[in-house]
Protein backbone atom coordinates (compact mmCIF):
# COMPACT_ATOMS: atom_id res chain seq x y z
CA UNK A 1 6.36 51.73 7.21
CA UNK A 2 6.61 49.87 10.50
CA UNK A 3 9.57 47.63 11.20
CA UNK A 4 9.06 43.97 12.07
CA UNK A 5 11.16 41.62 14.16
CA UNK A 6 12.59 38.40 12.69
CA UNK A 7 15.07 36.32 14.71
CA UNK A 8 15.66 39.26 17.09
CA UNK A 9 16.57 41.56 14.19
CA UNK A 10 14.56 44.53 13.00
CA UNK A 11 13.57 44.76 9.33
CA UNK A 12 11.62 47.34 7.41
CA UNK A 13 9.56 45.71 4.65
CA UNK A 14 10.33 46.99 1.16
CA UNK A 15 6.72 46.85 0.01
CA UNK A 16 4.00 49.19 1.21
CA UNK A 17 0.84 47.80 2.76
CA UNK A 18 -1.11 48.54 -0.43
CA UNK A 19 1.20 46.47 -2.68
CA UNK A 20 -0.85 43.75 -4.34
CA UNK A 21 0.16 40.20 -5.20
CA UNK A 22 -0.17 41.25 -8.83
CA UNK A 23 2.43 44.01 -8.29
CA UNK A 24 4.80 41.53 -6.67
CA UNK A 25 4.19 38.99 -9.46
CA UNK A 26 4.92 41.62 -12.13
CA UNK A 27 8.18 42.54 -10.39
CA UNK A 28 9.14 38.86 -10.19
CA UNK A 29 8.34 38.40 -13.90
CA UNK A 30 10.39 41.48 -14.84
CA UNK A 31 13.38 40.21 -12.84
CA UNK A 32 13.06 36.77 -14.44
CA UNK A 33 12.92 38.24 -17.96
CA UNK A 34 16.01 40.35 -17.23
CA UNK A 35 17.86 37.28 -15.92
CA UNK A 36 16.86 35.19 -18.96
CA UNK A 37 18.51 37.69 -21.33
CA UNK A 38 21.81 36.07 -20.34
CA UNK A 39 20.52 32.47 -20.35
CA UNK A 40 22.38 29.61 -21.96
CA UNK A 41 21.09 26.24 -23.10
CA UNK A 42 23.19 23.08 -23.05
CA UNK A 43 22.37 19.75 -24.70
CA UNK A 44 22.94 16.32 -23.12
CA UNK A 45 22.60 12.80 -24.54
CA UNK A 46 20.51 11.48 -21.63
CA UNK A 47 18.08 12.66 -18.97
CA UNK A 48 20.38 11.38 -16.22
CA UNK A 49 23.37 13.44 -17.39
CA UNK A 50 21.16 16.54 -17.80
CA UNK A 51 19.79 16.04 -14.27
CA UNK A 52 23.32 15.77 -12.84
CA UNK A 53 24.21 19.02 -14.62
CA UNK A 54 21.12 20.68 -13.07
CA UNK A 55 22.31 19.62 -9.59
CA UNK A 56 25.85 20.82 -10.33
CA UNK A 57 24.52 24.23 -11.45
CA UNK A 58 22.40 24.53 -8.30
CA UNK A 59 25.37 23.65 -6.09
CA UNK A 60 27.58 26.20 -7.90
CA UNK A 61 25.04 28.98 -7.31
CA UNK A 62 24.58 28.06 -3.63
CA UNK A 63 28.34 27.89 -2.98
CA UNK A 64 28.77 31.29 -4.66
CA UNK A 65 26.34 32.69 -2.08
CA UNK A 66 27.99 30.96 0.89
CA UNK A 67 25.76 27.87 1.20
CA UNK A 68 27.76 24.64 1.30
CA UNK A 69 25.52 21.59 1.53
CA UNK A 70 27.29 18.37 2.45
CA UNK A 71 26.28 15.11 0.81
CA UNK A 72 23.74 13.26 2.92
CA UNK A 73 22.63 16.39 4.81
CA UNK A 74 19.13 16.16 6.30
CA UNK A 75 16.33 18.41 5.04
CA UNK A 76 16.12 20.40 8.32
CA UNK A 77 19.85 21.16 8.16
CA UNK A 78 19.56 22.29 4.54
CA UNK A 79 16.54 24.48 5.37
CA UNK A 80 18.47 26.07 8.27
CA UNK A 81 21.47 26.80 6.01
CA UNK A 82 19.28 28.36 3.34
CA UNK A 83 17.47 30.51 5.91
CA UNK A 84 20.77 31.59 7.52
CA UNK A 85 22.04 32.80 4.13
CA UNK A 86 18.65 34.27 3.13
CA UNK A 87 18.33 31.86 0.22
CA UNK A 88 15.19 30.24 -1.11
CA UNK A 89 14.74 27.60 -3.81
CA UNK A 90 11.44 27.06 -5.57
CA UNK A 91 10.75 24.22 -7.95
CA UNK A 92 8.12 25.27 -10.48
CA UNK A 93 6.67 22.61 -12.76
CA UNK A 94 3.33 24.15 -13.66
CA UNK A 95 2.01 22.63 -16.88
CA UNK A 96 1.08 26.12 -18.11
CA UNK A 97 4.74 27.22 -18.13
CA UNK A 98 6.81 26.60 -21.26
CA UNK A 99 9.06 23.57 -20.67
CA UNK A 100 12.20 25.70 -20.70
CA UNK A 101 10.79 27.77 -17.78
CA UNK A 102 10.01 24.80 -15.53
CA UNK A 103 12.71 24.19 -12.97
CA UNK A 104 14.59 25.68 -10.04
CA UNK A 105 14.20 29.36 -9.21
CA UNK A 106 16.86 30.44 -6.70
CA UNK A 107 16.34 33.61 -4.68
CA UNK A 108 18.51 35.56 -2.24
CA UNK A 109 17.49 38.39 0.06
CA UNK A 110 19.57 41.42 0.96
CA UNK A 111 20.41 42.25 4.57
CA UNK A 112 17.61 44.80 4.78
CA UNK A 113 14.97 42.55 3.23
CA UNK A 114 12.73 40.05 4.88
CA UNK A 115 12.84 36.47 3.62
CA UNK A 116 9.89 36.74 1.24
CA UNK A 117 11.32 39.78 -0.57
CA UNK A 118 14.17 37.91 -2.24
CA UNK A 119 15.47 38.71 -5.70
CA UNK A 120 16.01 35.94 -8.23
CA UNK A 121 19.71 35.13 -8.61
CA UNK A 122 19.50 32.02 -10.79
CA UNK A 123 17.21 29.85 -12.84
CA UNK A 124 18.00 26.27 -13.84
CA UNK A 125 15.43 24.47 -15.94
CA UNK A 126 14.41 20.88 -15.46
CA UNK A 127 15.79 18.65 -18.23
CA UNK A 128 13.48 18.84 -21.25
CA UNK A 129 13.45 16.95 -24.51
CA UNK A 130 14.78 18.62 -27.61
CA UNK A 131 15.37 17.21 -31.05
CA UNK A 132 18.52 18.11 -32.93
CA UNK A 133 19.14 16.40 -36.26
CA UNK A 134 16.48 13.81 -35.44
CA UNK A 135 18.38 12.61 -32.36
CA UNK A 136 16.50 13.14 -29.09
CA UNK A 137 18.56 15.10 -26.63
CA UNK A 138 17.81 16.64 -23.27
CA UNK A 139 18.39 20.33 -22.70
CA UNK A 140 19.00 22.49 -19.64
CA UNK A 141 18.47 26.24 -19.79
CA UNK A 142 20.21 28.20 -17.06
CA UNK A 143 20.96 31.78 -16.10
CA UNK A 144 22.62 33.34 -13.07
CA UNK A 145 23.68 36.73 -11.81
């Protein structure tokens, strides 16, 4: 497989030219299912507190992988930091996903991988409503490697 140049560095793609999007999607789904085997769910009394916990979890994962985002940082600066550390964050809120699978998918690439070949390192759900003993609560499901 031919190497490609990104930011003056040479990378050899991990996938062959005949890899389909379906193959890549299946691999992504397998990695997500493996990650979710160690998932935890926490309950919070309000949406605001659950949202703050989601942000705290995201920050913890990013710091673990060397990305320190300062409060008030501009979007371009954050994008540059994520790219430098080969990190990518996707927010998925597709209505066809179960509510506990809607949220932040955090990916990190290895040194020999190009940016789009990242492996999932964490998932943090968006706050979702749950009912425990007839009291509405908000839950966050999260998992990390």
